């Protein structure tokens, strides 16, 4: 009688494993948001904050479609929803700026994300995190190239 070979209890890295980590982490991030604020809005506000508090509408739409993979109508709706919620305001020159409420939300959100990251990643070996970062950056670049190719 032969026995089946044993396998490691740690699964190989693949799209399913990466997706499960993404969705679990996203669920934690979404808990930080006030009721009625969407995850794409939080990403948009964070992008505006990272740009210094003001960004061109087109640049923000490109950020949401490029990095976050929203389609253009969804990205535009996210900006419109953020503006109507008083989190972003329109400025001359087709610019968008964080409002005081938007700034407060993004600061609180980023602090919560930092706490989550410390809990999730804080005790993992630096070399493991570096390797995961390299692999995931390469996978993202390849996926982006496939998306661009149609």
Protein backbone atom coordinates (compact mmCIF):
# COMPACT_ATOMS: atom_id res chain seq x y z
CA UNK A 1 0.00 0.00 0.00
CA UNK A 2 1.32 3.43 -0.92
CA UNK A 3 0.63 6.62 0.89
CA UNK A 4 0.02 9.99 -0.64
CA UNK A 5 2.88 12.43 -0.30
CA UNK A 6 2.48 14.94 2.45
CA UNK A 7 2.05 18.57 1.57
CA UNK A 8 2.92 21.70 3.44
CA UNK A 9 0.12 23.36 5.36
CA UNK A 10 1.20 26.70 3.90
CA UNK A 11 -0.30 27.13 0.43
CA UNK A 12 1.80 28.36 -2.45
CA UNK A 13 1.30 31.98 -3.37
CA UNK A 14 -1.29 32.28 -6.11
CA UNK A 15 -4.15 34.55 -7.08
CA UNK A 16 -6.54 32.95 -4.62
CA UNK A 17 -4.20 33.36 -1.66
CA UNK A 18 -3.41 36.95 -2.63
CA UNK A 19 -7.10 37.69 -3.15
CA UNK A 20 -8.06 36.25 0.22
CA UNK A 21 -5.44 38.42 1.94
CA UNK A 22 -6.64 41.47 0.01
CA UNK A 23 -10.31 40.97 0.85
CA UNK A 24 -9.63 40.20 4.51
CA UNK A 25 -7.51 43.33 4.83
CA UNK A 26 -10.02 45.40 2.88
CA UNK A 27 -12.81 44.26 5.21
CA UNK A 28 -10.77 45.54 8.16
CA UNK A 29 -10.13 48.83 6.34
CA UNK A 30 -13.80 49.29 5.50
CA UNK A 31 -14.68 49.00 9.20
CA UNK A 32 -12.75 52.23 9.75
CA UNK A 33 -15.00 54.24 7.44
CA UNK A 34 -18.02 56.21 8.60
CA UNK A 35 -21.35 54.84 7.45
CA UNK A 36 -22.06 55.91 3.89
CA UNK A 37 -18.39 56.32 2.94
CA UNK A 38 -17.16 53.79 0.40
CA UNK A 39 -13.77 52.15 0.09
CA UNK A 40 -13.16 53.84 -3.31
CA UNK A 41 -13.93 57.20 -1.67
CA UNK A 42 -11.33 56.48 1.01
CA UNK A 43 -8.80 55.66 -1.69
CA UNK A 44 -9.66 58.87 -3.57
CA UNK A 45 -9.32 60.98 -0.42
CA UNK A 46 -6.01 59.31 0.40
CA UNK A 47 -4.75 60.06 -3.13
CA UNK A 48 -5.71 63.72 -2.77
CA UNK A 49 -4.06 63.91 0.66
CA UNK A 50 -0.90 62.27 -0.70
CA UNK A 51 -0.82 64.88 -3.48
CA UNK A 52 -0.77 67.65 -0.87
CA UNK A 53 -4.50 68.18 -0.43
CA UNK A 54 -5.30 69.37 -3.96
CA UNK A 55 -5.19 67.42 -7.20
CA UNK A 56 -6.40 67.79 -10.77
CA UNK A 57 -9.67 66.00 -11.48
CA UNK A 58 -8.13 64.15 -14.42
CA UNK A 59 -5.15 63.01 -12.33
CA UNK A 60 -7.48 61.66 -9.64
CA UNK A 61 -9.62 59.83 -12.20
CA UNK A 62 -6.44 58.36 -13.72
CA UNK A 63 -5.27 57.27 -10.27
CA UNK A 64 -8.57 55.53 -9.57
CA UNK A 65 -8.70 53.84 -12.97
CA UNK A 66 -5.00 52.95 -13.06
CA UNK A 67 -4.08 51.89 -9.54
CA UNK A 68 -7.48 50.87 -8.20
CA UNK A 69 -8.84 49.48 -11.49
CA UNK A 70 -12.18 51.30 -11.36
CA UNK A 71 -13.68 51.96 -14.75
CA UNK A 72 -14.00 55.64 -15.74
CA UNK A 73 -17.73 55.95 -14.88
CA UNK A 74 -17.14 54.41 -11.43
CA UNK A 75 -14.14 56.70 -10.81
CA UNK A 76 -16.18 59.74 -11.85
CA UNK A 77 -19.05 58.62 -9.60
CA UNK A 78 -16.63 58.22 -6.70
CA UNK A 79 -15.41 61.80 -7.19
CA UNK A 80 -18.98 63.09 -7.53
CA UNK A 81 -20.09 61.21 -4.42
CA UNK A 82 -17.10 62.53 -2.47
CA UNK A 83 -17.91 66.08 -3.56
CA UNK A 84 -21.61 65.80 -2.74
CA UNK A 85 -20.73 64.29 0.66
CA UNK A 86 -18.62 67.36 1.44
CA UNK A 87 -15.33 65.43 1.52
CA UNK A 88 -13.89 67.06 -1.61
CA UNK A 89 -14.56 70.48 -3.08
CA UNK A 90 -14.11 71.76 -6.58
CA UNK A 91 -11.58 74.51 -7.12
CA UNK A 92 -10.83 76.67 -10.18
CA UNK A 93 -8.72 75.02 -12.86
CA UNK A 94 -10.54 71.68 -12.61
CA UNK A 95 -8.91 70.98 -9.27
CA UNK A 96 -10.28 68.99 -6.35
CA UNK A 97 -9.33 69.70 -2.76
CA UNK A 98 -9.94 68.01 0.55
CA UNK A 99 -12.48 69.78 2.71
CA UNK A 100 -11.88 69.95 6.46
CA UNK A 101 -14.25 66.97 6.83
CA UNK A 102 -12.41 65.05 4.10
CA UNK A 103 -9.06 65.84 5.67
CA UNK A 104 -10.24 64.66 9.09
CA UNK A 105 -11.65 61.46 7.60
CA UNK A 106 -8.46 60.61 5.71
CA UNK A 107 -6.24 61.32 8.74
CA UNK A 108 -8.38 59.06 10.91
CA UNK A 109 -8.49 56.39 8.21
CA UNK A 110 -4.73 56.43 7.69
CA UNK A 111 -4.11 56.16 11.44
CA UNK A 112 -6.44 53.15 11.59
CA UNK A 113 -4.71 51.58 8.58
CA UNK A 114 -1.34 52.08 10.29
CA UNK A 115 -2.65 50.25 13.37
CA UNK A 116 -4.00 47.40 11.22
CA UNK A 117 -0.71 47.14 9.32
CA UNK A 118 1.28 47.04 12.56
CA UNK A 119 -0.88 44.19 13.82
CA UNK A 120 -0.83 42.24 10.55
CA UNK A 121 2.78 42.78 9.50
CA UNK A 122 4.64 43.95 12.61
CA UNK A 123 6.08 40.61 13.69
CA UNK A 124 6.81 39.19 10.23
CA UNK A 125 10.47 38.93 9.24
CA UNK A 126 11.67 41.90 7.17
CA UNK A 127 13.17 39.58 4.55
CA UNK A 128 9.80 37.83 4.09
CA UNK A 129 8.04 41.17 3.67
CA UNK A 130 10.67 42.33 1.18
CA UNK A 131 10.32 39.12 -0.86
CA UNK A 132 6.52 39.37 -0.82
CA UNK A 133 6.77 43.00 -1.90
CA UNK A 134 9.01 42.12 -4.83
CA UNK A 135 6.77 39.25 -5.96
CA UNK A 136 3.55 41.23 -5.66
CA UNK A 137 5.05 44.23 -7.47
CA UNK A 138 6.06 41.98 -10.34
CA UNK A 139 2.66 40.26 -10.45
CA UNK A 140 0.98 43.68 -10.52
CA UNK A 141 3.21 44.86 -13.37
CA UNK A 142 2.45 41.73 -15.38
CA UNK A 143 -1.29 42.03 -14.77
CA UNK A 144 -1.21 45.71 -15.73
CA UNK A 145 0.60 44.79 -18.96
CA UNK A 146 -2.02 42.15 -19.75
CA UNK A 147 -4.81 44.65 -19.08
CA UNK A 148 -3.14 47.25 -21.31
CA UNK A 149 -2.78 44.68 -24.09
CA UNK A 150 -6.51 44.09 -24.02
